[in-house]
C-alpha atoms as a PDB file:
ATOM      1  CA  MET A   1      -0.131 -11.820  19.517  1.00  0.00           C
ATOM      2  CA  SER A   2       2.905 -11.507  17.265  1.00  0.00           C
ATOM      3  CA  THR A   3       3.896  -8.354  15.420  1.00  0.00           C
ATOM      4  CA  ILE A   4       2.798  -9.865  12.106  1.00  0.00           C
ATOM      5  CA  GLU A   5      -0.570 -10.921  13.525  1.00  0.00           C
ATOM      6  CA  LEU A   6      -1.113  -7.462  14.982  1.00  0.00           C
ATOM      7  CA  LYS A   7      -0.208  -5.767  11.690  1.00  0.00           C
ATOM      8  CA  ASP A   8      -2.591  -8.063   9.790  1.00  0.00           C
ATOM      9  CA  LEU A   9      -5.371  -7.321  12.280  1.00  0.00           C
ATOM     10  CA  LEU A  10      -4.818  -3.565  12.019  1.00  0.00           C
ATOM     11  CA  ILE A  11      -4.726  -3.675   8.221  1.00  0.00           C
ATOM     12  CA  SER A  12      -8.000  -5.583   8.047  1.00  0.00           C
ATOM     13  CA  ARG A  13      -9.678  -3.307  10.586  1.00  0.00           C
ATOM     14  CA  ILE A  14      -8.488  -0.143   8.811  1.00  0.00           C
ATOM     15  CA  ALA A  15      -9.750  -1.523   5.487  1.00  0.00           C
ATOM     16  CA  GLU A  16     -13.276  -1.599   6.970  1.00  0.00           C
ATOM     17  CA  ILE A  17     -13.252   2.099   7.969  1.00  0.00           C
ATOM     18  CA  ASP A  18     -15.010   4.604   5.693  1.00  0.00           C
ATOM     19  CA  ASP A  19     -14.733   7.686   7.947  1.00  0.00           C
ATOM     20  CA  ILE A  20     -12.295   9.973   6.097  1.00  0.00           C
ATOM     21  CA  GLN A  21     -11.474  12.082   9.160  1.00  0.00           C
ATOM     22  CA  PHE A  22     -10.659   9.007  11.216  1.00  0.00           C
ATOM     23  CA  LEU A  23      -8.498   7.613   8.407  1.00  0.00           C
ATOM     24  CA  GLN A  24      -6.675  10.947   8.129  1.00  0.00           C
ATOM     25  CA  ALA A  25      -6.003  10.849  11.869  1.00  0.00           C
ATOM     26  CA  ILE A  26      -4.545   7.357  11.534  1.00  0.00           C
ATOM     27  CA  LYS A  27      -2.427   8.555   8.608  1.00  0.00           C
ATOM     28  CA  THR A  28      -1.107  11.443  10.704  1.00  0.00           C
ATOM     29  CA  ILE A  29      -0.071   9.025  13.445  1.00  0.00           C
ATOM     30  CA  LEU A  30       1.597   6.719  10.935  1.00  0.00           C
ATOM     31  CA  ASP A  31       3.332   9.602   9.152  1.00  0.00           C
ATOM     32  CA  THR A  32       4.774  10.800  12.439  1.00  0.00           C
ATOM     33  CA  LYS A  33       6.186   7.357  13.190  1.00  0.00           C
ATOM     34  CA  THR A  34       7.546   6.656   9.725  1.00  0.00           C
ATOM     35  CA  GLU A  35       9.170  10.079   9.365  1.00  0.00           C
ATOM     36  CA  THR A  36      11.498   9.188  12.207  1.00  0.00           C
ATOM     37  CA  GLN A  37      12.462   5.820  10.765  1.00  0.00           C
ATOM     38  CA  LYS A  38      15.219   5.449   8.210  1.00  0.00           C
ATOM     39  CA  LEU A  39      14.999   2.587   5.767  1.00  0.00           C
ATOM     40  CA  ASP A  40      18.188   0.781   4.910  1.00  0.00           C
ATOM     41  CA  LEU A  41      17.662  -0.562   1.421  1.00  0.00           C
ATOM     42  CA  SER A  42      19.827  -3.092  -0.324  1.00  0.00           C
ATOM     43  CA  ASP A  43      21.305  -2.319  -3.741  1.00  0.00           C
ATOM     44  CA  ALA A  44      18.758  -4.715  -5.267  1.00  0.00           C
ATOM     45  CA  GLN A  45      15.880  -2.860  -3.601  1.00  0.00           C
ATOM     46  CA  ILE A  46      17.198   0.498  -4.797  1.00  0.00           C
ATOM     47  CA  GLN A  47      17.473  -0.867  -8.346  1.00  0.00           C
ATOM     48  CA  GLU A  48      13.908  -2.233  -8.140  1.00  0.00           C
ATOM     49  CA  ILE A  49      12.618   1.182  -7.064  1.00  0.00           C
ATOM     50  CA  LYS A  50      14.468   2.861  -9.933  1.00  0.00           C
ATOM     51  CA  ALA A  51      13.026   0.331 -12.396  1.00  0.00           C
ATOM     52  CA  SER A  52       9.540   0.885 -10.975  1.00  0.00           C
ATOM     53  CA  ARG A  53       9.862   4.639 -11.391  1.00  0.00           C
ATOM     54  CA  GLU A  54      10.953   4.132 -14.992  1.00  0.00           C
ATOM     55  CA  ASP A  55       7.900   1.900 -15.556  1.00  0.00           C
ATOM     56  CA  ILE A  56       5.640   4.636 -14.221  1.00  0.00           C
ATOM     57  CA  ILE A  57       7.244   7.289 -16.430  1.00  0.00           C
ATOM     58  CA  ALA A  58       6.850   4.966 -19.448  1.00  0.00           C
ATOM     59  CA  GLY A  59       3.175   4.347 -18.604  1.00  0.00           C
ATOM     60  CA  ARG A  60       3.658   0.672 -17.706  1.00  0.00           C
ATOM     61  CA  PHE A  61       1.203   0.556 -14.825  1.00  0.00           C
ATOM     62  CA  ILE A  62      -2.494   0.158 -14.091  1.00  0.00           C
ATOM     63  CA  GLU A  63      -4.584   2.451 -11.906  1.00  0.00           C
ATOM     64  CA  GLN A  64      -5.940   0.809  -8.746  1.00  0.00           C
ATOM     65  CA  SER A  65      -9.572   1.482  -9.744  1.00  0.00           C
ATOM     66  CA  ASP A  66      -8.989  -0.181 -13.131  1.00  0.00           C
ATOM     67  CA  LEU A  67      -7.329  -3.148 -11.452  1.00  0.00           C
ATOM     68  CA  ASP A  68     -10.233  -3.424  -9.010  1.00  0.00           C
ATOM     69  CA  THR A  69     -12.699  -3.463 -11.921  1.00  0.00           C
ATOM     70  CA  GLU A  70     -10.646  -6.085 -13.746  1.00  0.00           C
ATOM     71  CA  MET A  71     -10.347  -8.273 -10.646  1.00  0.00           C
ATOM     72  CA  ASN A  72     -14.071  -8.017  -9.868  1.00  0.00           C
ATOM     73  CA  ALA A  73     -14.906  -9.051 -13.441  1.00  0.00           C
ATOM     74  CA  TRP A  74     -12.485 -11.975 -13.156  1.00  0.00           C
ATOM     75  CA  LEU A  75     -14.007 -13.069  -9.834  1.00  0.00           C
ATOM     76  CA  LYS A  76     -17.519 -13.007 -11.341  1.00  0.00           C
ATOM     77  CA  ARG A  77     -16.385 -15.339 -14.116  1.00  0.00           C
ATOM     78  CA  ARG A  78     -15.046 -17.916 -11.672  1.00  0.00           C
END
């Protein structure tokens, strides 16, 4: 199994979990791993992050729950 396949499998399995304590435990494990990793971002990536932050400050975003509602309505129309 490749790294990408394993990540996809884990993502899909985690998406099925509703146990908040278990999810928090997974988050703790992931936080521990990611805290030790340093991301090397390109100038383009840094600029994209800055632009995204400006969009958020300006209110140019949609809440996930609103997007979910919109997508579900769209899927029902199909």
